[in-house]
Structures are given as structure tokens and as C-alpha cells.
């Protein structure tokens, strides 16, 4: 099921992308105020929504985030823990990639040089 042409054009337009970046920044700023005023940790959720909007629409923010997490591996581990990423998922991905590169043992297939 595809979106109508008008909505597709609107979502991919540059002004709408800039609007989403500013909305994300506004949500991140509002998260501090909401976090101070409410007893529930709703500020964390609002901040996460703002960060998601900014990362989705800004290459600059994504690039700096990746650089920062590569430079400080402890931060990356904390983010992975917070996003509930586990090592089993990474291992499954490596096993799947290894299974794609296995050599075929069919005697009728031509021999390939080792990689």
C-alpha cells in the first residue's frame, strides 16, 4: 500500500524536513521542563522522540553521534543497553553473512580460488 503522491511529496520536501528538525529540537528543550514539573519520567520519552526526529532528518547529527559513540565506547555500550540491543543479534548477523560466503561443494560447479 503506497501513499498518495501529495503526501509522499510533502514528507520528502525540504521545508517539511527542516520543520521536523526544529520540532525535534523543540521537543528536546521541552523535555527538560516537563521532566522537572512531572513526577513521572515522561521527559525521557519526549526527549527520545525529539532525538529520533533530529537523527532521522539530519545527516550532520547522525554523523556526529556516530563519531562520538566510536570515540567513547562506554557511551556506545550504554546506548546499546538502553536500546536493548544484544550481542546475540550481532552474532546472528555474522553467522548469516558467513553462510552466504560458504563455498559450494557441488562436484559439477567450477572450482573457485580461495578468498
N, C-alpha and C. Protein backbone atom coordinates (compact mmCIF):
# COMPACT_ATOMS: atom_id res chain seq x y z
N UNK A 1 0.85 -1.17 0.00
CA UNK A 1 0.00 0.00 0.00
C UNK A 1 0.90 1.24 0.00
N UNK A 2 0.74 2.08 -0.98
CA UNK A 2 1.59 3.26 -1.09
C UNK A 2 0.82 4.52 -0.70
N UNK A 3 1.59 5.52 -0.36
CA UNK A 3 0.98 6.80 -0.01
C UNK A 3 0.55 7.53 -1.27
N UNK A 4 -0.42 8.40 -1.12
CA UNK A 4 -0.77 9.24 -2.27
C UNK A 4 0.41 10.14 -2.64
N UNK A 5 0.42 10.56 -3.87
CA UNK A 5 1.54 11.37 -4.38
C UNK A 5 1.73 12.65 -3.58
N UNK A 6 0.64 13.30 -3.18
CA UNK A 6 0.76 14.55 -2.46
C UNK A 6 1.47 14.35 -1.12
N UNK A 7 1.06 13.32 -0.36
CA UNK A 7 1.69 13.07 0.93
C UNK A 7 3.15 12.65 0.78
N UNK A 8 3.43 11.87 -0.24
CA UNK A 8 4.80 11.46 -0.49
C UNK A 8 5.67 12.66 -0.81
N UNK A 9 5.16 13.56 -1.62
CA UNK A 9 5.89 14.77 -1.96
C UNK A 9 6.08 15.66 -0.74
N UNK A 10 5.05 15.75 0.10
CA UNK A 10 5.14 16.58 1.30
C UNK A 10 6.18 16.05 2.29
N UNK A 11 6.18 14.74 2.53
CA UNK A 11 7.10 14.15 3.50
C UNK A 11 8.54 14.26 3.03
N UNK A 12 8.77 14.20 1.75
CA UNK A 12 10.14 14.25 1.23
C UNK A 12 10.62 15.67 0.91
N UNK A 13 9.79 16.67 1.15
CA UNK A 13 10.19 18.03 0.81
C UNK A 13 11.15 18.61 1.84
N UNK A 14 11.97 19.52 1.38
CA UNK A 14 12.98 20.14 2.24
C UNK A 14 12.37 20.98 3.36
N UNK A 15 11.34 21.80 3.12
CA UNK A 15 10.76 22.56 4.23
C UNK A 15 10.17 21.68 5.33
N UNK A 16 9.56 20.56 4.96
CA UNK A 16 8.99 19.67 5.96
C UNK A 16 10.09 18.99 6.77
N UNK A 17 11.21 18.67 6.11
CA UNK A 17 12.35 18.07 6.81
C UNK A 17 12.93 19.05 7.82
N UNK A 18 13.06 20.31 7.42
CA UNK A 18 13.56 21.34 8.34
C UNK A 18 12.58 21.55 9.49
N UNK A 19 11.28 21.50 9.18
CA UNK A 19 10.26 21.61 10.23
C UNK A 19 10.41 20.48 11.24
N UNK A 20 10.66 19.26 10.77
CA UNK A 20 10.82 18.13 11.67
C UNK A 20 12.07 18.27 12.54
N UNK A 21 13.13 18.84 11.99
CA UNK A 21 14.34 19.07 12.79
C UNK A 21 14.04 20.07 13.90
N UNK A 22 13.38 21.17 13.56
CA UNK A 22 13.05 22.17 14.58
C UNK A 22 12.06 21.62 15.61
N UNK A 23 11.12 20.81 15.17
CA UNK A 23 10.19 20.17 16.10
C UNK A 23 10.95 19.25 17.06
N UNK A 24 11.93 18.51 16.54
CA UNK A 24 12.75 17.65 17.39
C UNK A 24 13.54 18.45 18.41
N UNK A 25 14.11 19.56 17.98
CA UNK A 25 14.84 20.42 18.92
C UNK A 25 13.91 21.02 19.97
N UNK A 26 12.71 21.40 19.55
CA UNK A 26 11.73 21.92 20.50
C UNK A 26 11.31 20.86 21.51
N UNK A 27 11.11 19.63 21.06
CA UNK A 27 10.77 18.55 21.97
C UNK A 27 11.90 18.27 22.96
N UNK A 28 13.15 18.33 22.50
CA UNK A 28 14.27 18.11 23.41
C UNK A 28 14.34 19.20 24.46
N UNK A 29 14.07 20.44 24.07
CA UNK A 29 14.08 21.54 25.03
C UNK A 29 12.91 21.42 26.01
N UNK A 30 11.75 21.04 25.50
CA UNK A 30 10.57 20.90 26.36
C UNK A 30 10.69 19.72 27.31
N UNK A 31 11.50 18.74 26.97
CA UNK A 31 11.65 17.56 27.82
C UNK A 31 12.23 17.93 29.18
N UNK A 32 13.13 18.88 29.21
CA UNK A 32 13.70 19.32 30.49
C UNK A 32 12.65 19.96 31.39
N UNK A 33 11.82 20.79 30.80
CA UNK A 33 10.78 21.46 31.58
C UNK A 33 9.75 20.45 32.06
N UNK A 34 9.31 19.58 31.18
CA UNK A 34 8.32 18.57 31.55
C UNK A 34 8.90 17.62 32.59
N UNK A 35 10.16 17.28 32.45
CA UNK A 35 10.81 16.39 33.40
C UNK A 35 10.89 16.98 34.79
N UNK A 36 11.06 18.29 34.88
CA UNK A 36 11.11 18.94 36.18
C UNK A 36 9.72 19.07 36.81
N UNK A 37 8.71 19.26 35.99
CA UNK A 37 7.37 19.51 36.52
C UNK A 37 6.56 18.24 36.79
N UNK A 38 6.83 17.17 36.10
CA UNK A 38 6.00 15.97 36.27
C UNK A 38 6.73 14.94 37.13
N UNK A 39 5.99 14.21 37.95
CA UNK A 39 6.64 13.19 38.77
C UNK A 39 7.01 11.94 37.97
N UNK A 40 6.35 11.70 36.86
CA UNK A 40 6.65 10.54 36.03
C UNK A 40 7.82 10.87 35.10
N UNK A 41 8.54 9.86 34.66
CA UNK A 41 9.69 10.11 33.76
C UNK A 41 9.27 10.33 32.31
N UNK A 42 8.23 11.12 32.09
CA UNK A 42 7.73 11.37 30.73
C UNK A 42 8.71 12.24 29.94
N UNK A 43 9.55 13.00 30.63
CA UNK A 43 10.54 13.84 29.94
C UNK A 43 11.52 13.02 29.13
N UNK A 44 11.84 11.82 29.61
CA UNK A 44 12.76 10.95 28.88
C UNK A 44 12.14 10.51 27.56
N UNK A 45 10.86 10.20 27.58
CA UNK A 45 10.16 9.77 26.36
C UNK A 45 10.09 10.93 25.36
N UNK A 46 9.79 12.12 25.86
CA UNK A 46 9.70 13.29 24.99
C UNK A 46 11.07 13.61 24.40
N UNK A 47 12.12 13.51 25.22
CA UNK A 47 13.47 13.75 24.72
C UNK A 47 13.84 12.72 23.65
N UNK A 48 13.48 11.46 23.86
CA UNK A 48 13.76 10.41 22.88
C UNK A 48 13.05 10.67 21.56
N UNK A 49 11.81 11.14 21.63
CA UNK A 49 11.08 11.46 20.40
C UNK A 49 11.76 12.61 19.65
N UNK A 50 12.23 13.60 20.39
CA UNK A 50 12.93 14.72 19.75
C UNK A 50 14.23 14.28 19.10
N UNK A 51 14.99 13.44 19.80
CA UNK A 51 16.25 12.94 19.25
C UNK A 51 15.97 12.10 18.00
N UNK A 52 14.92 11.30 18.04
CA UNK A 52 14.58 10.48 16.86
C UNK A 52 14.25 11.35 15.66
N UNK A 53 13.50 12.43 15.87
CA UNK A 53 13.18 13.32 14.75
C UNK A 53 14.43 13.99 14.19
N UNK A 54 15.32 14.41 15.07
CA UNK A 54 16.54 15.08 14.61
C UNK A 54 17.43 14.09 13.86
N UNK A 55 17.65 12.90 14.43
CA UNK A 55 18.51 11.92 13.78
C UNK A 55 17.93 11.45 12.45
N UNK A 56 16.62 11.38 12.35
CA UNK A 56 16.00 10.91 11.12
C UNK A 56 16.17 11.91 9.98
N UNK A 57 16.26 13.18 10.31
CA UNK A 57 16.27 14.21 9.27
C UNK A 57 17.57 14.97 9.12
N UNK A 58 18.56 14.72 9.96
CA UNK A 58 19.80 15.49 9.91
C UNK A 58 21.00 14.57 9.75
N UNK A 59 21.66 14.66 8.62
CA UNK A 59 22.88 13.88 8.42
C UNK A 59 23.98 14.34 9.35
N UNK A 60 24.05 15.63 9.59
CA UNK A 60 25.07 16.18 10.46
C UNK A 60 24.95 15.58 11.86
N UNK A 61 23.75 15.51 12.40
CA UNK A 61 23.54 14.97 13.75
C UNK A 61 23.89 13.49 13.80
N UNK A 62 23.49 12.74 12.79
CA UNK A 62 23.82 11.31 12.76
C UNK A 62 25.32 11.09 12.69
N UNK A 63 25.99 11.87 11.84
CA UNK A 63 27.43 11.73 11.68
C UNK A 63 28.16 12.03 12.98
N UNK A 64 27.76 13.10 13.68
CA UNK A 64 28.41 13.44 14.94
C UNK A 64 28.09 12.43 16.04
N UNK A 65 26.88 11.91 16.04
CA UNK A 65 26.53 10.88 17.02
C UNK A 65 27.38 9.63 16.81
N UNK A 66 27.52 9.19 15.56
CA UNK A 66 28.33 8.01 15.29
C UNK A 66 29.80 8.24 15.63
N UNK A 67 30.32 9.41 15.33
CA UNK A 67 31.70 9.74 15.67
C UNK A 67 31.89 9.70 17.18
N UNK A 68 30.94 10.27 17.91
CA UNK A 68 31.03 10.31 19.37
C UNK A 68 30.98 8.91 19.96
N UNK A 69 30.08 8.06 19.46
CA UNK A 69 29.98 6.72 20.02
C UNK A 69 31.18 5.85 19.64
N UNK A 70 31.82 6.13 18.53
CA UNK A 70 33.05 5.40 18.19
C UNK A 70 34.21 5.87 19.06
N UNK A 71 34.23 7.15 19.37
CA UNK A 71 35.31 7.70 20.18
C UNK A 71 35.18 7.27 21.63
N UNK A 72 33.98 7.11 22.12
CA UNK A 72 33.74 6.74 23.51
C UNK A 72 32.92 5.45 23.56
N UNK A 73 33.60 4.29 23.60
CA UNK A 73 32.89 3.02 23.55
C UNK A 73 31.98 2.78 24.75
N UNK A 74 32.27 3.38 25.89
CA UNK A 74 31.39 3.20 27.04
C UNK A 74 30.02 3.82 26.78
N UNK A 75 29.99 4.93 26.07
CA UNK A 75 28.72 5.55 25.71
C UNK A 75 27.96 4.63 24.77
N UNK A 76 28.67 4.04 23.82
CA UNK A 76 28.02 3.13 22.88
C UNK A 76 27.41 1.93 23.60
N UNK A 77 28.14 1.38 24.57
CA UNK A 77 27.59 0.25 25.33
C UNK A 77 26.34 0.67 26.10
N UNK A 78 26.37 1.88 26.67
CA UNK A 78 25.19 2.36 27.40
C UNK A 78 24.01 2.55 26.47
N UNK A 79 24.25 3.08 25.29
CA UNK A 79 23.17 3.28 24.32
C UNK A 79 22.63 1.93 23.85
N UNK A 80 23.53 0.99 23.58
CA UNK A 80 23.08 -0.35 23.18
C UNK A 80 22.26 -1.01 24.28
N UNK A 81 22.67 -0.82 25.52
CA UNK A 81 21.90 -1.38 26.64
C UNK A 81 20.53 -0.70 26.72
N UNK A 82 20.51 0.60 26.56
CA UNK A 82 19.25 1.33 26.62
C UNK A 82 18.30 0.97 25.50
N UNK A 83 18.83 0.69 24.33
CA UNK A 83 18.00 0.30 23.19
C UNK A 83 17.77 -1.21 23.16
N UNK A 84 18.27 -1.90 24.15
CA UNK A 84 18.11 -3.35 24.31
C UNK A 84 18.67 -4.13 23.12
N UNK A 85 19.79 -3.65 22.62
CA UNK A 85 20.50 -4.40 21.58
C UNK A 85 21.39 -5.40 22.30
N UNK A 86 21.41 -6.61 21.82
CA UNK A 86 22.25 -7.59 22.48
C UNK A 86 23.23 -8.20 21.50
N UNK A 87 24.20 -8.91 22.07
CA UNK A 87 25.26 -9.47 21.25
C UNK A 87 24.78 -10.64 20.40
N UNK A 88 23.73 -11.32 20.86
CA UNK A 88 23.23 -12.45 20.08
C UNK A 88 22.75 -12.00 18.71
N UNK A 89 22.15 -10.81 18.65
CA UNK A 89 21.67 -10.29 17.38
C UNK A 89 22.84 -10.06 16.43
N UNK A 90 23.94 -9.52 16.94
CA UNK A 90 25.11 -9.28 16.11
C UNK A 90 25.72 -10.60 15.65
N UNK A 91 25.74 -11.60 16.54
CA UNK A 91 26.29 -12.90 16.16
C UNK A 91 25.45 -13.55 15.07
N UNK A 92 24.11 -13.43 15.19
CA UNK A 92 23.25 -13.99 14.17
C UNK A 92 23.52 -13.34 12.81
N UNK A 93 23.76 -12.04 12.82
CA UNK A 93 24.08 -11.35 11.57
C UNK A 93 25.38 -11.81 10.98
N UNK A 94 26.38 -12.06 11.82
CA UNK A 94 27.66 -12.55 11.33
C UNK A 94 27.54 -13.97 10.79
N UNK A 95 26.74 -14.82 11.48
CA UNK A 95 26.55 -16.19 11.01
C UNK A 95 25.82 -16.21 9.67
N UNK A 96 24.83 -15.32 9.51
CA UNK A 96 24.11 -15.26 8.25
C UNK A 96 25.03 -14.82 7.12
N UNK A 97 25.90 -13.87 7.39
CA UNK A 97 26.84 -13.41 6.37
C UNK A 97 27.84 -14.50 6.03
N UNK A 98 28.26 -15.27 7.03
CA UNK A 98 29.21 -16.36 6.77
C UNK A 98 28.55 -17.47 5.95
N UNK A 99 27.28 -17.71 6.19
CA UNK A 99 26.61 -18.77 5.44
C UNK A 99 26.45 -18.38 3.96
N UNK A 100 26.40 -17.11 3.69
CA UNK A 100 26.28 -16.66 2.30
C UNK A 100 27.59 -16.80 1.55
N UNK A 101 28.71 -16.80 2.26
CA UNK A 101 30.01 -16.85 1.60
C UNK A 101 30.60 -18.25 1.59
N UNK A 102 29.88 -19.26 2.08
CA UNK A 102 30.40 -20.63 2.04
C UNK A 102 30.54 -21.11 0.61
N UNK A 103 31.55 -21.92 0.42
CA UNK A 103 31.79 -22.44 -0.92
C UNK A 103 30.83 -23.57 -1.24
N UNK A 104 30.43 -23.63 -2.46
CA UNK A 104 29.54 -24.69 -2.92
C UNK A 104 30.36 -25.95 -3.12
N UNK A 105 29.86 -27.09 -2.62
CA UNK A 105 30.61 -28.34 -2.76
C UNK A 105 30.04 -29.23 -3.85
N UNK A 106 29.29 -28.67 -4.76
CA UNK A 106 28.73 -29.44 -5.87
C UNK A 106 29.87 -29.81 -6.82
N UNK A 107 30.00 -31.11 -7.14
CA UNK A 107 31.12 -31.51 -8.00
C UNK A 107 31.01 -30.98 -9.42
N UNK A 108 29.84 -30.60 -9.85
CA UNK A 108 29.71 -30.10 -11.22
C UNK A 108 30.01 -28.61 -11.32
N UNK A 109 30.09 -27.93 -10.20
CA UNK A 109 30.36 -26.48 -10.27
C UNK A 109 31.86 -26.27 -10.45
N UNK A 110 32.24 -25.21 -11.13
CA UNK A 110 33.67 -24.94 -11.32
C UNK A 110 34.31 -24.58 -9.99
N UNK A 111 35.56 -24.92 -9.84
CA UNK A 111 36.27 -24.60 -8.60
C UNK A 111 36.62 -23.13 -8.58
N UNK A 112 36.52 -22.56 -7.40
CA UNK A 112 36.84 -21.15 -7.25
C UNK A 112 38.09 -21.04 -6.40
N UNK A 113 38.92 -20.07 -6.70
CA UNK A 113 40.11 -19.89 -5.88
C UNK A 113 39.71 -19.44 -4.47
N UNK A 114 40.48 -19.83 -3.45
CA UNK A 114 40.13 -19.41 -2.09
C UNK A 114 40.23 -17.90 -1.95
N UNK A 115 39.36 -17.37 -1.14
CA UNK A 115 39.31 -15.91 -0.95
C UNK A 115 40.20 -15.50 0.19
